[in-house]
Amino acid sequence: MFTGIVEELGEVVAVDRLAEAARVTVRGGAVVAGAARGDSIAVNGVCLTVTSTDGEDFTADVMAETLRRTTLGTLAPGSRVNLERPLLPTGRLGGHLVQGHVDGVGTVVSRNPAEHWDVVRVAIPPALGRYLVEKGSVAVDGVSLTVSVLGEGEPPGDGGDGQPWFEVSLIPATLAATTLGQAQPGTYVNLEVDVIGKYVERMLRDLAVRP
């Protein structure tokens, strides 16, 4: 379990393409400290299992399902990535409950710099829209953020694509410490919605079908 509070910006140093999988090596001194084979590290919001470490580098295998459902398939040497170790039982839940299980990929459609923050709009897969609420939490590339505005998108007949979207405000600390500081329109981002909403939906659906 993670909290969406990024510990450091890491860098991809190698990507080995395998049959139906990939092996990535990432440099991140802070998260590698004390890490061992079998430990979990979130990379851009995706929970990966450490297979080996070497100095400040760690290696993890990424299976085909993960490559298909996330942006990790686009990583290349030199890519910057958000890194976070799992929450310790004695730690503070500074963000929100993040599993590292990506629900879908969104697209940055705009960013508007202001004096003290940047407002970023992200288009999302229609199936995820029902899990987002204003002032609720969402993880974007592993970063815990608060939804400030929700939109349904312009109807296709009015020249839009009908795709829902949300906006978040990125403070200077987030801009400096995560990859979102450089995410321009057209950038694909991993999205994880609030897991509590998904469980509530499932339980209500099961109750509705009971005789």
N, C-alpha and C. Protein backbone atom coordinates (compact mmCIF):
# COMPACT_ATOMS: atom_id res chain seq x y z
N MET A 1 0.84 -1.18 0.00
CA MET A 1 0.00 0.00 0.00
C MET A 1 0.89 1.25 0.00
N PHE A 2 0.51 2.23 -0.84
CA PHE A 2 1.27 3.47 -0.95
C PHE A 2 0.36 4.64 -0.56
N THR A 3 0.93 5.83 -0.57
CA THR A 3 0.14 7.01 -0.20
C THR A 3 0.10 8.07 -1.29
N GLY A 4 0.86 7.89 -2.36
CA GLY A 4 0.88 8.90 -3.42
C GLY A 4 1.77 10.08 -3.09
N ILE A 5 2.63 9.94 -2.09
CA ILE A 5 3.60 10.98 -1.77
C ILE A 5 4.94 10.54 -2.35
N VAL A 6 5.31 11.10 -3.48
CA VAL A 6 6.51 10.67 -4.20
C VAL A 6 7.76 10.98 -3.37
N GLU A 7 8.64 9.98 -3.25
CA GLU A 7 9.85 10.14 -2.46
C GLU A 7 10.99 10.76 -3.27
N GLU A 8 11.07 10.41 -4.54
CA GLU A 8 12.13 10.98 -5.36
C GLU A 8 11.83 10.78 -6.84
N LEU A 9 12.48 11.59 -7.65
CA LEU A 9 12.44 11.42 -9.09
C LEU A 9 13.58 10.48 -9.48
N GLY A 10 13.22 9.34 -10.03
CA GLY A 10 14.23 8.40 -10.49
C GLY A 10 14.46 8.52 -11.97
N GLU A 11 15.37 7.72 -12.48
CA GLU A 11 15.68 7.73 -13.91
C GLU A 11 15.83 6.29 -14.42
N VAL A 12 15.18 6.01 -15.52
CA VAL A 12 15.31 4.70 -16.15
C VAL A 12 16.69 4.61 -16.80
N VAL A 13 17.45 3.58 -16.46
CA VAL A 13 18.80 3.42 -17.02
C VAL A 13 18.86 2.31 -18.06
N ALA A 14 17.87 1.40 -18.06
CA ALA A 14 17.87 0.33 -19.06
C ALA A 14 16.48 -0.26 -19.18
N VAL A 15 16.13 -0.66 -20.38
CA VAL A 15 14.88 -1.38 -20.64
C VAL A 15 15.20 -2.55 -21.56
N ASP A 16 14.98 -3.75 -21.09
CA ASP A 16 15.21 -4.96 -21.89
C ASP A 16 13.86 -5.53 -22.30
N ARG A 17 13.61 -5.54 -23.61
CA ARG A 17 12.35 -6.08 -24.12
C ARG A 17 12.45 -7.60 -24.18
N LEU A 18 11.46 -8.25 -23.58
CA LEU A 18 11.41 -9.71 -23.54
C LEU A 18 10.13 -10.17 -24.24
N ALA A 19 9.99 -11.45 -24.43
CA ALA A 19 8.76 -11.99 -25.00
C ALA A 19 7.63 -11.79 -23.99
N GLU A 20 6.64 -10.99 -24.36
CA GLU A 20 5.47 -10.74 -23.52
C GLU A 20 5.83 -10.08 -22.18
N ALA A 21 6.95 -9.40 -22.11
CA ALA A 21 7.33 -8.74 -20.85
C ALA A 21 8.47 -7.76 -21.12
N ALA A 22 8.90 -7.09 -20.07
CA ALA A 22 10.05 -6.21 -20.15
C ALA A 22 10.74 -6.19 -18.80
N ARG A 23 12.03 -5.91 -18.82
CA ARG A 23 12.80 -5.78 -17.58
C ARG A 23 13.36 -4.38 -17.55
N VAL A 24 13.01 -3.63 -16.49
CA VAL A 24 13.44 -2.24 -16.39
C VAL A 24 14.40 -2.08 -15.22
N THR A 25 15.40 -1.25 -15.44
CA THR A 25 16.34 -0.90 -14.37
C THR A 25 16.22 0.59 -14.13
N VAL A 26 16.01 0.94 -12.87
CA VAL A 26 15.74 2.33 -12.49
C VAL A 26 16.74 2.77 -11.44
N ARG A 27 17.23 3.98 -11.57
CA ARG A 27 18.14 4.55 -10.57
C ARG A 27 17.37 5.44 -9.62
N GLY A 28 17.50 5.15 -8.33
CA GLY A 28 16.83 5.95 -7.31
C GLY A 28 17.45 5.65 -5.95
N GLY A 29 18.41 6.45 -5.56
CA GLY A 29 19.16 6.17 -4.35
C GLY A 29 18.33 6.07 -3.09
N ALA A 30 17.32 6.93 -2.96
CA ALA A 30 16.53 6.95 -1.74
C ALA A 30 15.69 5.69 -1.58
N VAL A 31 15.02 5.27 -2.66
CA VAL A 31 14.13 4.11 -2.54
C VAL A 31 14.89 2.79 -2.56
N VAL A 32 16.09 2.80 -3.11
CA VAL A 32 16.89 1.57 -3.14
C VAL A 32 17.52 1.30 -1.79
N ALA A 33 17.75 2.34 -1.01
CA ALA A 33 18.37 2.17 0.30
C ALA A 33 17.53 1.21 1.16
N GLY A 34 18.11 0.08 1.50
CA GLY A 34 17.42 -0.91 2.32
C GLY A 34 16.51 -1.84 1.54
N ALA A 35 16.38 -1.62 0.21
CA ALA A 35 15.51 -2.48 -0.59
C ALA A 35 16.17 -3.82 -0.84
N ALA A 36 15.36 -4.85 -0.95
CA ALA A 36 15.86 -6.20 -1.20
C ALA A 36 14.95 -6.89 -2.21
N ARG A 37 15.44 -7.99 -2.73
CA ARG A 37 14.66 -8.77 -3.68
C ARG A 37 13.29 -9.11 -3.08
N GLY A 38 12.23 -8.87 -3.85
CA GLY A 38 10.88 -9.16 -3.38
C GLY A 38 10.16 -7.96 -2.81
N ASP A 39 10.88 -6.87 -2.55
CA ASP A 39 10.23 -5.66 -2.04
C ASP A 39 9.46 -4.98 -3.17
N SER A 40 8.51 -4.12 -2.78
CA SER A 40 7.72 -3.38 -3.75
C SER A 40 8.18 -1.92 -3.83
N ILE A 41 8.17 -1.38 -5.04
CA ILE A 41 8.42 0.04 -5.28
C ILE A 41 7.44 0.49 -6.35
N ALA A 42 6.80 1.62 -6.12
CA ALA A 42 5.87 2.16 -7.11
C ALA A 42 6.65 3.02 -8.10
N VAL A 43 6.47 2.72 -9.39
CA VAL A 43 7.12 3.45 -10.47
C VAL A 43 6.02 4.11 -11.31
N ASN A 44 5.94 5.42 -11.25
CA ASN A 44 4.84 6.15 -11.91
C ASN A 44 3.48 5.57 -11.54
N GLY A 45 3.36 5.21 -10.28
CA GLY A 45 2.09 4.72 -9.78
C GLY A 45 1.83 3.26 -9.99
N VAL A 46 2.79 2.52 -10.53
CA VAL A 46 2.64 1.08 -10.77
C VAL A 46 3.48 0.32 -9.75
N CYS A 47 2.84 -0.55 -9.00
CA CYS A 47 3.57 -1.35 -8.01
C CYS A 47 4.38 -2.43 -8.72
N LEU A 48 5.71 -2.36 -8.58
CA LEU A 48 6.60 -3.35 -9.18
C LEU A 48 7.37 -4.07 -8.08
N THR A 49 7.78 -5.29 -8.37
CA THR A 49 8.54 -6.09 -7.43
C THR A 49 10.02 -6.07 -7.79
N VAL A 50 10.83 -5.73 -6.82
CA VAL A 50 12.28 -5.66 -7.03
C VAL A 50 12.83 -7.07 -7.24
N THR A 51 13.56 -7.25 -8.33
CA THR A 51 14.19 -8.56 -8.57
C THR A 51 15.67 -8.53 -8.22
N SER A 52 16.29 -7.35 -8.26
CA SER A 52 17.70 -7.23 -7.86
C SER A 52 18.03 -5.77 -7.64
N THR A 53 19.11 -5.52 -6.91
CA THR A 53 19.61 -4.16 -6.69
C THR A 53 21.11 -4.13 -6.96
N ASP A 54 21.59 -2.96 -7.34
CA ASP A 54 23.02 -2.79 -7.60
C ASP A 54 23.35 -1.32 -7.35
N GLY A 55 23.92 -1.04 -6.18
CA GLY A 55 24.20 0.35 -5.84
C GLY A 55 22.92 1.14 -5.69
N GLU A 56 22.73 2.17 -6.52
CA GLU A 56 21.53 2.98 -6.48
C GLU A 56 20.48 2.52 -7.49
N ASP A 57 20.71 1.39 -8.14
CA ASP A 57 19.79 0.89 -9.16
C ASP A 57 18.99 -0.30 -8.65
N PHE A 58 17.77 -0.42 -9.13
CA PHE A 58 16.99 -1.64 -8.90
C PHE A 58 16.37 -2.08 -10.22
N THR A 59 16.14 -3.38 -10.32
CA THR A 59 15.57 -3.96 -11.53
C THR A 59 14.24 -4.63 -11.18
N ALA A 60 13.28 -4.53 -12.09
CA ALA A 60 11.98 -5.14 -11.90
C ALA A 60 11.47 -5.67 -13.23
N ASP A 61 10.73 -6.76 -13.18
CA ASP A 61 10.10 -7.32 -14.38
C ASP A 61 8.69 -6.76 -14.51
N VAL A 62 8.31 -6.43 -15.74
CA VAL A 62 6.99 -5.88 -16.02
C VAL A 62 6.29 -6.82 -16.98
N MET A 63 5.19 -7.43 -16.54
CA MET A 63 4.51 -8.41 -17.39
C MET A 63 3.67 -7.72 -18.46
N ALA A 64 3.23 -8.51 -19.43
CA ALA A 64 2.52 -7.96 -20.59
C ALA A 64 1.25 -7.21 -20.18
N GLU A 65 0.51 -7.72 -19.20
CA GLU A 65 -0.71 -7.07 -18.75
C GLU A 65 -0.43 -5.66 -18.26
N THR A 66 0.65 -5.50 -17.51
CA THR A 66 1.02 -4.18 -17.00
C THR A 66 1.46 -3.27 -18.13
N LEU A 67 2.21 -3.79 -19.08
CA LEU A 67 2.62 -2.98 -20.22
C LEU A 67 1.42 -2.50 -21.02
N ARG A 68 0.39 -3.34 -21.10
CA ARG A 68 -0.79 -3.00 -21.89
C ARG A 68 -1.67 -1.97 -21.20
N ARG A 69 -1.74 -2.03 -19.87
CA ARG A 69 -2.70 -1.21 -19.14
C ARG A 69 -2.10 0.07 -18.56
N THR A 70 -0.80 0.27 -18.71
CA THR A 70 -0.15 1.44 -18.13
C THR A 70 0.77 2.09 -19.16
N THR A 71 1.44 3.14 -18.73
CA THR A 71 2.39 3.83 -19.62
C THR A 71 3.80 3.26 -19.52
N LEU A 72 4.00 2.23 -18.73
CA LEU A 72 5.36 1.72 -18.55
C LEU A 72 5.95 1.18 -19.85
N GLY A 73 5.10 0.80 -20.78
CA GLY A 73 5.60 0.31 -22.06
C GLY A 73 6.30 1.37 -22.88
N THR A 74 6.12 2.64 -22.53
CA THR A 74 6.74 3.74 -23.27
C THR A 74 8.06 4.19 -22.65
N LEU A 75 8.45 3.59 -21.52
CA LEU A 75 9.68 4.01 -20.86
C LEU A 75 10.90 3.67 -21.71
N ALA A 76 11.91 4.53 -21.61
CA ALA A 76 13.17 4.33 -22.33
C ALA A 76 14.28 4.87 -21.45
N PRO A 77 15.52 4.46 -21.71
CA PRO A 77 16.63 5.01 -20.92
C PRO A 77 16.59 6.54 -20.93
N GLY A 78 16.71 7.12 -19.75
CA GLY A 78 16.65 8.57 -19.61
C GLY A 78 15.30 9.07 -19.15
N SER A 79 14.25 8.23 -19.22
CA SER A 79 12.93 8.65 -18.75
C SER A 79 12.97 8.92 -17.25
N ARG A 80 12.34 10.02 -16.83
CA ARG A 80 12.21 10.31 -15.40
C ARG A 80 10.94 9.65 -14.89
N VAL A 81 10.98 9.12 -13.68
CA VAL A 81 9.85 8.41 -13.11
C VAL A 81 9.68 8.78 -11.64
N ASN A 82 8.41 8.77 -11.20
CA ASN A 82 8.10 9.00 -9.80
C ASN A 82 8.27 7.70 -9.03
N LEU A 83 8.97 7.77 -7.88
CA LEU A 83 9.26 6.57 -7.10
C LEU A 83 8.73 6.74 -5.67
N GLU A 84 8.16 5.64 -5.16
CA GLU A 84 7.68 5.64 -3.77
C GLU A 84 7.77 4.22 -3.21
N ARG A 85 8.27 4.11 -2.00
CA ARG A 85 8.25 2.84 -1.29
C ARG A 85 6.91 2.66 -0.57
N PRO A 86 6.54 1.42 -0.22
CA PRO A 86 5.26 1.21 0.48
C PRO A 86 5.25 1.90 1.83
N LEU A 87 4.03 2.18 2.28
CA LEU A 87 3.83 2.81 3.58
C LEU A 87 4.15 1.84 4.70
N LEU A 88 4.95 2.30 5.68
CA LEU A 88 5.20 1.51 6.88
C LEU A 88 4.00 1.60 7.82
N PRO A 89 3.73 0.57 8.61
CA PRO A 89 2.60 0.63 9.54
C PRO A 89 2.71 1.79 10.53
N THR A 90 3.93 2.24 10.78
CA THR A 90 4.13 3.33 11.72
C THR A 90 4.20 4.69 11.02
N GLY A 91 4.02 4.71 9.70
CA GLY A 91 4.14 5.96 8.96
C GLY A 91 2.84 6.76 8.95
N ARG A 92 2.94 7.97 8.40
CA ARG A 92 1.79 8.85 8.26
C ARG A 92 1.17 8.69 6.87
N LEU A 93 -0.16 8.67 6.83
CA LEU A 93 -0.87 8.59 5.55
C LEU A 93 -1.01 10.02 5.01
N GLY A 94 0.08 10.50 4.39
CA GLY A 94 0.09 11.90 3.96
C GLY A 94 -0.77 12.17 2.75
N GLY A 95 -0.98 11.16 1.89
CA GLY A 95 -1.80 11.36 0.72
C GLY A 95 -3.14 10.65 0.88
N HIS A 96 -3.34 9.54 0.14
CA HIS A 96 -4.51 8.71 0.33
C HIS A 96 -4.11 7.26 0.03
N LEU A 97 -5.01 6.34 0.22
CA LEU A 97 -4.70 4.92 0.02
C LEU A 97 -4.52 4.64 -1.47
N VAL A 98 -3.30 4.26 -1.84
CA VAL A 98 -2.96 3.97 -3.23
C VAL A 98 -2.41 2.55 -3.29
N GLN A 99 -2.96 1.73 -4.15
CA GLN A 99 -2.54 0.34 -4.25
C GLN A 99 -1.40 0.12 -5.22
N GLY A 100 -1.24 1.03 -6.16
CA GLY A 100 -0.26 0.81 -7.22
C GLY A 100 -0.82 -0.07 -8.32
N HIS A 101 -2.16 -0.17 -8.39
CA HIS A 101 -2.86 -0.94 -9.41
C HIS A 101 -3.57 0.05 -10.33
N VAL A 102 -3.01 0.30 -11.48
CA VAL A 102 -3.51 1.33 -12.38
C VAL A 102 -4.85 0.92 -12.98
N ASP A 103 -5.82 1.86 -12.96
CA ASP A 103 -7.15 1.59 -13.50
C ASP A 103 -7.29 1.98 -14.96
N GLY A 104 -6.43 2.86 -15.43
CA GLY A 104 -6.51 3.30 -16.81
C GLY A 104 -5.48 4.37 -17.10
N VAL A 105 -5.39 4.75 -18.35
CA VAL A 105 -4.43 5.77 -18.78
C VAL A 105 -5.20 7.01 -19.23
N GLY A 106 -4.81 8.16 -18.70
CA GLY A 106 -5.40 9.43 -19.10
C GLY A 106 -4.43 10.23 -19.95
N THR A 107 -4.92 11.37 -20.45
CA THR A 107 -4.11 12.23 -21.30
C THR A 107 -4.18 13.66 -20.80
N VAL A 108 -3.03 14.27 -20.59
CA VAL A 108 -3.00 15.69 -20.24
C VAL A 108 -3.49 16.47 -21.46
N VAL A 109 -4.53 17.27 -21.29
CA VAL A 109 -5.07 18.02 -22.42
C VAL A 109 -4.76 19.51 -22.33
N SER A 110 -4.46 20.00 -21.13
CA SER A 110 -4.08 21.41 -21.01
C SER A 110 -3.41 21.65 -19.68
N ARG A 111 -2.61 22.70 -19.61
CA ARG A 111 -2.08 23.18 -18.34
C ARG A 111 -1.99 24.69 -18.41
N ASN A 112 -2.46 25.31 -17.34
CA ASN A 112 -2.50 26.77 -17.27
C ASN A 112 -1.72 27.24 -16.05
N PRO A 113 -0.54 27.79 -16.25
CA PRO A 113 0.26 28.27 -15.12
C PRO A 113 -0.39 29.49 -14.46
N ALA A 114 -0.39 29.49 -13.15
CA ALA A 114 -0.83 30.65 -12.38
C ALA A 114 0.35 31.11 -11.53
N GLU A 115 0.11 32.09 -10.68
CA GLU A 115 1.22 32.64 -9.90
C GLU A 115 1.79 31.64 -8.91
N HIS A 116 0.92 30.85 -8.30
CA HIS A 116 1.37 29.94 -7.24
C HIS A 116 1.13 28.47 -7.55
N TRP A 117 0.53 28.15 -8.68
CA TRP A 117 0.28 26.76 -9.03
C TRP A 117 -0.03 26.66 -10.51
N ASP A 118 -0.03 25.41 -11.00
CA ASP A 118 -0.46 25.14 -12.38
C ASP A 118 -1.75 24.34 -12.32
N VAL A 119 -2.71 24.73 -13.13
CA VAL A 119 -3.95 23.97 -13.25
C VAL A 119 -3.81 23.04 -14.45
N VAL A 120 -3.94 21.74 -14.20
CA VAL A 120 -3.75 20.73 -15.23
C VAL A 120 -5.06 19.98 -15.44
N ARG A 121 -5.46 19.84 -16.70
CA ARG A 121 -6.67 19.09 -17.05
C ARG A 121 -6.26 17.76 -17.68
N VAL A 122 -6.91 16.69 -17.23
CA VAL A 122 -6.60 15.35 -17.70
C VAL A 122 -7.87 14.69 -18.23
N ALA A 123 -7.84 14.24 -19.48
CA ALA A 123 -8.95 13.47 -20.04
C ALA A 123 -8.83 12.03 -19.59
N ILE A 124 -9.95 11.40 -19.26
CA ILE A 124 -9.93 10.07 -18.67
C ILE A 124 -10.82 9.11 -19.46
N PRO A 125 -10.57 7.81 -19.36
CA PRO A 125 -11.46 6.82 -19.97
C PRO A 125 -12.86 6.98 -19.38
N PRO A 126 -13.90 6.94 -20.20
CA PRO A 126 -15.27 7.15 -19.70
C PRO A 126 -15.65 6.25 -18.53
N ALA A 127 -15.15 5.02 -18.49
CA ALA A 127 -15.53 4.09 -17.43
C ALA A 127 -15.03 4.53 -16.05
N LEU A 128 -14.06 5.42 -16.00
CA LEU A 128 -13.52 5.85 -14.70
C LEU A 128 -14.21 7.07 -14.13
N GLY A 129 -15.00 7.75 -14.95
CA GLY A 129 -15.60 9.00 -14.52
C GLY A 129 -16.45 8.87 -13.27
N ARG A 130 -17.15 7.75 -13.12
CA ARG A 130 -18.06 7.61 -11.99
C ARG A 130 -17.35 7.48 -10.65
N TYR A 131 -16.05 7.20 -10.68
CA TYR A 131 -15.31 7.04 -9.42
C TYR A 131 -14.68 8.34 -8.92
N LEU A 132 -14.81 9.42 -9.68
CA LEU A 132 -14.20 10.67 -9.29
C LEU A 132 -15.25 11.64 -8.76
N VAL A 133 -14.90 12.35 -7.71
CA VAL A 133 -15.78 13.37 -7.13
C VAL A 133 -14.95 14.61 -6.85
N GLU A 134 -15.60 15.76 -6.93
CA GLU A 134 -14.89 17.00 -6.59
C GLU A 134 -14.42 16.94 -5.13
N LYS A 135 -13.17 17.37 -4.94
CA LYS A 135 -12.49 17.34 -3.65
C LYS A 135 -12.12 15.93 -3.23
N GLY A 136 -12.33 14.95 -4.10
CA GLY A 136 -11.88 13.59 -3.82
C GLY A 136 -10.45 13.40 -4.29
N SER A 137 -9.91 12.21 -4.07
CA SER A 137 -8.52 11.93 -4.38
C SER A 137 -8.40 11.09 -5.64
N VAL A 138 -7.30 11.30 -6.35
CA VAL A 138 -6.95 10.49 -7.51
C VAL A 138 -5.43 10.44 -7.58
N ALA A 139 -4.88 9.30 -8.01
CA ALA A 139 -3.44 9.18 -8.18
C ALA A 139 -3.12 9.33 -9.66
N VAL A 140 -2.25 10.29 -9.98
CA VAL A 140 -1.84 10.55 -11.36
C VAL A 140 -0.34 10.28 -11.45
N ASP A 141 0.03 9.24 -12.18
CA ASP A 141 1.42 8.80 -12.22
C ASP A 141 1.98 8.59 -10.81
N GLY A 142 1.10 8.09 -9.94
CA GLY A 142 1.53 7.79 -8.57
C GLY A 142 1.52 8.97 -7.63
N VAL A 143 1.04 10.12 -8.07
CA VAL A 143 1.00 11.32 -7.24
C VAL A 143 -0.41 11.52 -6.70
N SER A 144 -0.56 11.58 -5.39
CA SER A 144 -1.86 11.81 -4.77
C SER A 144 -2.28 13.25 -4.98
N LEU A 145 -3.42 13.45 -5.65
CA LEU A 145 -3.90 14.78 -5.96
C LEU A 145 -5.38 14.91 -5.62
N THR A 146 -5.82 16.15 -5.44
CA THR A 146 -7.21 16.44 -5.14
C THR A 146 -7.91 16.97 -6.39
N VAL A 147 -9.02 16.35 -6.73
CA VAL A 147 -9.79 16.79 -7.89
C VAL A 147 -10.45 18.13 -7.57
N SER A 148 -10.19 19.14 -8.40
CA SER A 148 -10.78 20.46 -8.16
C SER A 148 -12.01 20.70 -9.02
N VAL A 149 -12.02 20.16 -10.23
CA VAL A 149 -13.15 20.35 -11.14
C VAL A 149 -13.34 19.07 -11.93
N LEU A 150 -14.60 18.72 -12.20
CA LEU A 150 -14.95 17.58 -13.04
C LEU A 150 -15.72 18.07 -14.25
N GLY A 151 -15.50 17.44 -15.40
CA GLY A 151 -16.24 17.81 -16.60
C GLY A 151 -16.60 16.59 -17.41
N GLU A 152 -17.71 16.68 -18.14
CA GLU A 152 -18.18 15.55 -18.94
C GLU A 152 -17.65 15.59 -20.37
N GLY A 153 -17.05 16.70 -20.77
CA GLY A 153 -16.56 16.80 -22.14
C GLY A 153 -17.62 17.34 -23.07
N GLU A 154 -17.18 17.99 -24.13
CA GLU A 154 -18.12 18.52 -25.12
C GLU A 154 -18.73 17.37 -25.92
N PRO A 155 -20.05 17.41 -26.14
CA PRO A 155 -20.68 16.34 -26.93
C PRO A 155 -20.07 16.26 -28.32
N PRO A 156 -19.97 15.06 -28.88
CA PRO A 156 -19.40 14.91 -30.22
C PRO A 156 -20.06 15.79 -31.26
N GLY A 157 -21.38 15.99 -31.15
CA GLY A 157 -22.08 16.82 -32.11
C GLY A 157 -21.69 18.28 -32.05
N ASP A 158 -21.08 18.70 -30.93
CA ASP A 158 -20.65 20.09 -30.77
C ASP A 158 -19.16 20.26 -31.04
N GLY A 159 -18.56 19.26 -31.65
CA GLY A 159 -17.14 19.35 -31.99
C GLY A 159 -16.22 18.74 -30.97
N GLY A 160 -16.76 18.18 -29.88
CA GLY A 160 -15.92 17.55 -28.87
C GLY A 160 -15.88 16.04 -29.06
N ASP A 161 -15.17 15.39 -28.16
CA ASP A 161 -15.08 13.94 -28.25
C ASP A 161 -15.89 13.24 -27.16
N GLY A 162 -16.56 14.05 -26.31
CA GLY A 162 -17.39 13.48 -25.26
C GLY A 162 -16.63 12.83 -24.14
N GLN A 163 -15.32 12.97 -24.10
CA GLN A 163 -14.51 12.30 -23.09
C GLN A 163 -14.52 13.10 -21.80
N PRO A 164 -14.81 12.45 -20.66
CA PRO A 164 -14.80 13.17 -19.38
C PRO A 164 -13.39 13.59 -18.99
N TRP A 165 -13.29 14.55 -18.08
CA TRP A 165 -11.99 15.05 -17.65
C TRP A 165 -12.09 15.54 -16.22
N PHE A 166 -10.93 15.75 -15.62
CA PHE A 166 -10.86 16.39 -14.31
C PHE A 166 -9.69 17.35 -14.30
N GLU A 167 -9.72 18.28 -13.36
CA GLU A 167 -8.62 19.22 -13.19
C GLU A 167 -8.04 19.10 -11.79
N VAL A 168 -6.73 19.32 -11.70
CA VAL A 168 -6.02 19.37 -10.43
C VAL A 168 -5.12 20.59 -10.43
N SER A 169 -4.82 21.09 -9.26
CA SER A 169 -3.90 22.22 -9.11
C SER A 169 -2.59 21.71 -8.52
N LEU A 170 -1.50 21.96 -9.22
CA LEU A 170 -0.19 21.48 -8.80
C LEU A 170 0.60 22.60 -8.14
N ILE A 171 0.91 22.43 -6.86
CA ILE A 171 1.67 23.43 -6.13
C ILE A 171 3.15 23.33 -6.51
N PRO A 172 3.95 24.36 -6.21
CA PRO A 172 5.37 24.32 -6.59
C PRO A 172 6.11 23.08 -6.12
N ALA A 173 5.81 22.57 -4.92
CA ALA A 173 6.50 21.38 -4.43
C ALA A 173 6.23 20.18 -5.32
N THR A 174 5.00 20.04 -5.77
CA THR A 174 4.66 18.93 -6.67
C THR A 174 5.31 19.12 -8.03
N LEU A 175 5.32 20.34 -8.52
CA LEU A 175 5.94 20.62 -9.82
C LEU A 175 7.43 20.29 -9.81
N ALA A 176 8.08 20.57 -8.67
CA ALA A 176 9.53 20.36 -8.60
C ALA A 176 9.90 18.91 -8.30
N ALA A 177 9.04 18.19 -7.58
CA ALA A 177 9.43 16.88 -7.07
C ALA A 177 8.86 15.70 -7.85
N THR A 178 8.05 15.95 -8.88
CA THR A 178 7.44 14.86 -9.63
C THR A 178 7.54 15.12 -11.13
N THR A 179 7.23 14.09 -11.91
CA THR A 179 7.25 14.22 -13.36
C THR A 179 6.15 15.12 -13.87
N LEU A 180 5.14 15.40 -13.05
CA LEU A 180 4.03 16.23 -13.51
C LEU A 180 4.46 17.67 -13.77
N GLY A 181 5.60 18.06 -13.23
CA GLY A 181 6.11 19.40 -13.50
C GLY A 181 6.44 19.62 -14.96
N GLN A 182 6.71 18.54 -15.68
CA GLN A 182 7.08 18.63 -17.10
C GLN A 182 6.04 18.00 -18.02
N ALA A 183 4.92 17.58 -17.48
CA ALA A 183 3.91 16.90 -18.31
C ALA A 183 3.15 17.91 -19.15
N GLN A 184 3.37 17.88 -20.45
CA GLN A 184 2.74 18.81 -21.37
C GLN A 184 1.51 18.17 -22.01
N PRO A 185 0.64 18.98 -22.64
CA PRO A 185 -0.51 18.42 -23.33
C PRO A 185 -0.10 17.31 -24.29
N GLY A 186 -0.84 16.22 -24.23
CA GLY A 186 -0.51 15.05 -25.04
C GLY A 186 0.20 13.96 -24.26
N THR A 187 0.68 14.29 -23.05
CA THR A 187 1.36 13.30 -22.21
C THR A 187 0.36 12.30 -21.65
N TYR A 188 0.70 11.02 -21.74
CA TYR A 188 -0.13 9.97 -21.15
C TYR A 188 0.28 9.75 -19.70
N VAL A 189 -0.71 9.56 -18.83
CA VAL A 189 -0.45 9.39 -17.40
C VAL A 189 -1.25 8.22 -16.86
N ASN A 190 -0.66 7.52 -15.88
CA ASN A 190 -1.35 6.42 -15.20
C ASN A 190 -2.34 6.98 -14.19
N LEU A 191 -3.52 6.38 -14.15
CA LEU A 191 -4.56 6.83 -13.22
C LEU A 191 -4.99 5.69 -12.31
N GLU A 192 -5.12 5.98 -11.04
CA GLU A 192 -5.71 5.05 -10.08
C GLU A 192 -6.76 5.80 -9.28
N VAL A 193 -8.00 5.36 -9.37
CA VAL A 193 -9.07 6.02 -8.64
C VAL A 193 -9.12 5.48 -7.21
N ASP A 194 -9.96 6.10 -6.41
CA ASP A 194 -10.07 5.73 -4.99
C ASP A 194 -10.62 4.31 -4.87
N VAL A 195 -9.85 3.42 -4.25
CA VAL A 195 -10.25 2.02 -4.13
C VAL A 195 -11.52 1.86 -3.31
N ILE A 196 -11.79 2.77 -2.38
CA ILE A 196 -12.99 2.65 -1.54
C ILE A 196 -14.24 2.74 -2.40
N GLY A 197 -14.23 3.64 -3.38
CA GLY A 197 -15.37 3.78 -4.27
C GLY A 197 -15.65 2.52 -5.06
N LYS A 198 -14.59 1.83 -5.49
CA LYS A 198 -14.78 0.60 -6.25
C LYS A 198 -15.38 -0.50 -5.39
N TYR A 199 -14.94 -0.60 -4.15
CA TYR A 199 -15.49 -1.62 -3.26
C TYR A 199 -16.96 -1.33 -2.93
N VAL A 200 -17.27 -0.07 -2.69
CA VAL A 200 -18.66 0.29 -2.39
C VAL A 200 -19.56 -0.05 -3.57
N GLU A 201 -19.11 0.27 -4.78
CA GLU A 201 -19.90 -0.03 -5.98
C GLU A 201 -20.15 -1.53 -6.09
N ARG A 202 -19.12 -2.33 -5.87
CA ARG A 202 -19.27 -3.78 -5.99
C ARG A 202 -20.25 -4.32 -4.96
N MET A 203 -20.16 -3.85 -3.73
CA MET A 203 -21.05 -4.34 -2.69
C MET A 203 -22.50 -3.94 -2.96
N LEU A 204 -22.70 -2.72 -3.44
CA LEU A 204 -24.07 -2.28 -3.75
C LEU A 204 -24.64 -3.08 -4.91
N ARG A 205 -23.81 -3.39 -5.91
CA ARG A 205 -24.27 -4.18 -7.03
C ARG A 205 -24.67 -5.59 -6.59
N ASP A 206 -23.87 -6.19 -5.68
CA ASP A 206 -24.20 -7.52 -5.18
C ASP A 206 -25.50 -7.50 -4.39
N LEU A 207 -25.71 -6.45 -3.61
CA LEU A 207 -26.95 -6.33 -2.84
C LEU A 207 -28.16 -6.20 -3.75
N ALA A 208 -27.96 -5.50 -4.87
CA ALA A 208 -29.09 -5.24 -5.77
C ALA A 208 -29.57 -6.50 -6.46
N VAL A 209 -28.69 -7.50 -6.64
CA VAL A 209 -29.10 -8.71 -7.37
C VAL A 209 -29.57 -9.83 -6.43
N ARG A 210 -29.47 -9.59 -5.12
CA ARG A 210 -29.95 -10.61 -4.21
C ARG A 210 -31.46 -10.66 -4.19
N PRO A 211 -32.06 -11.86 -4.08
CA PRO A 211 -33.53 -11.97 -4.05
C PRO A 211 -34.09 -11.40 -2.75
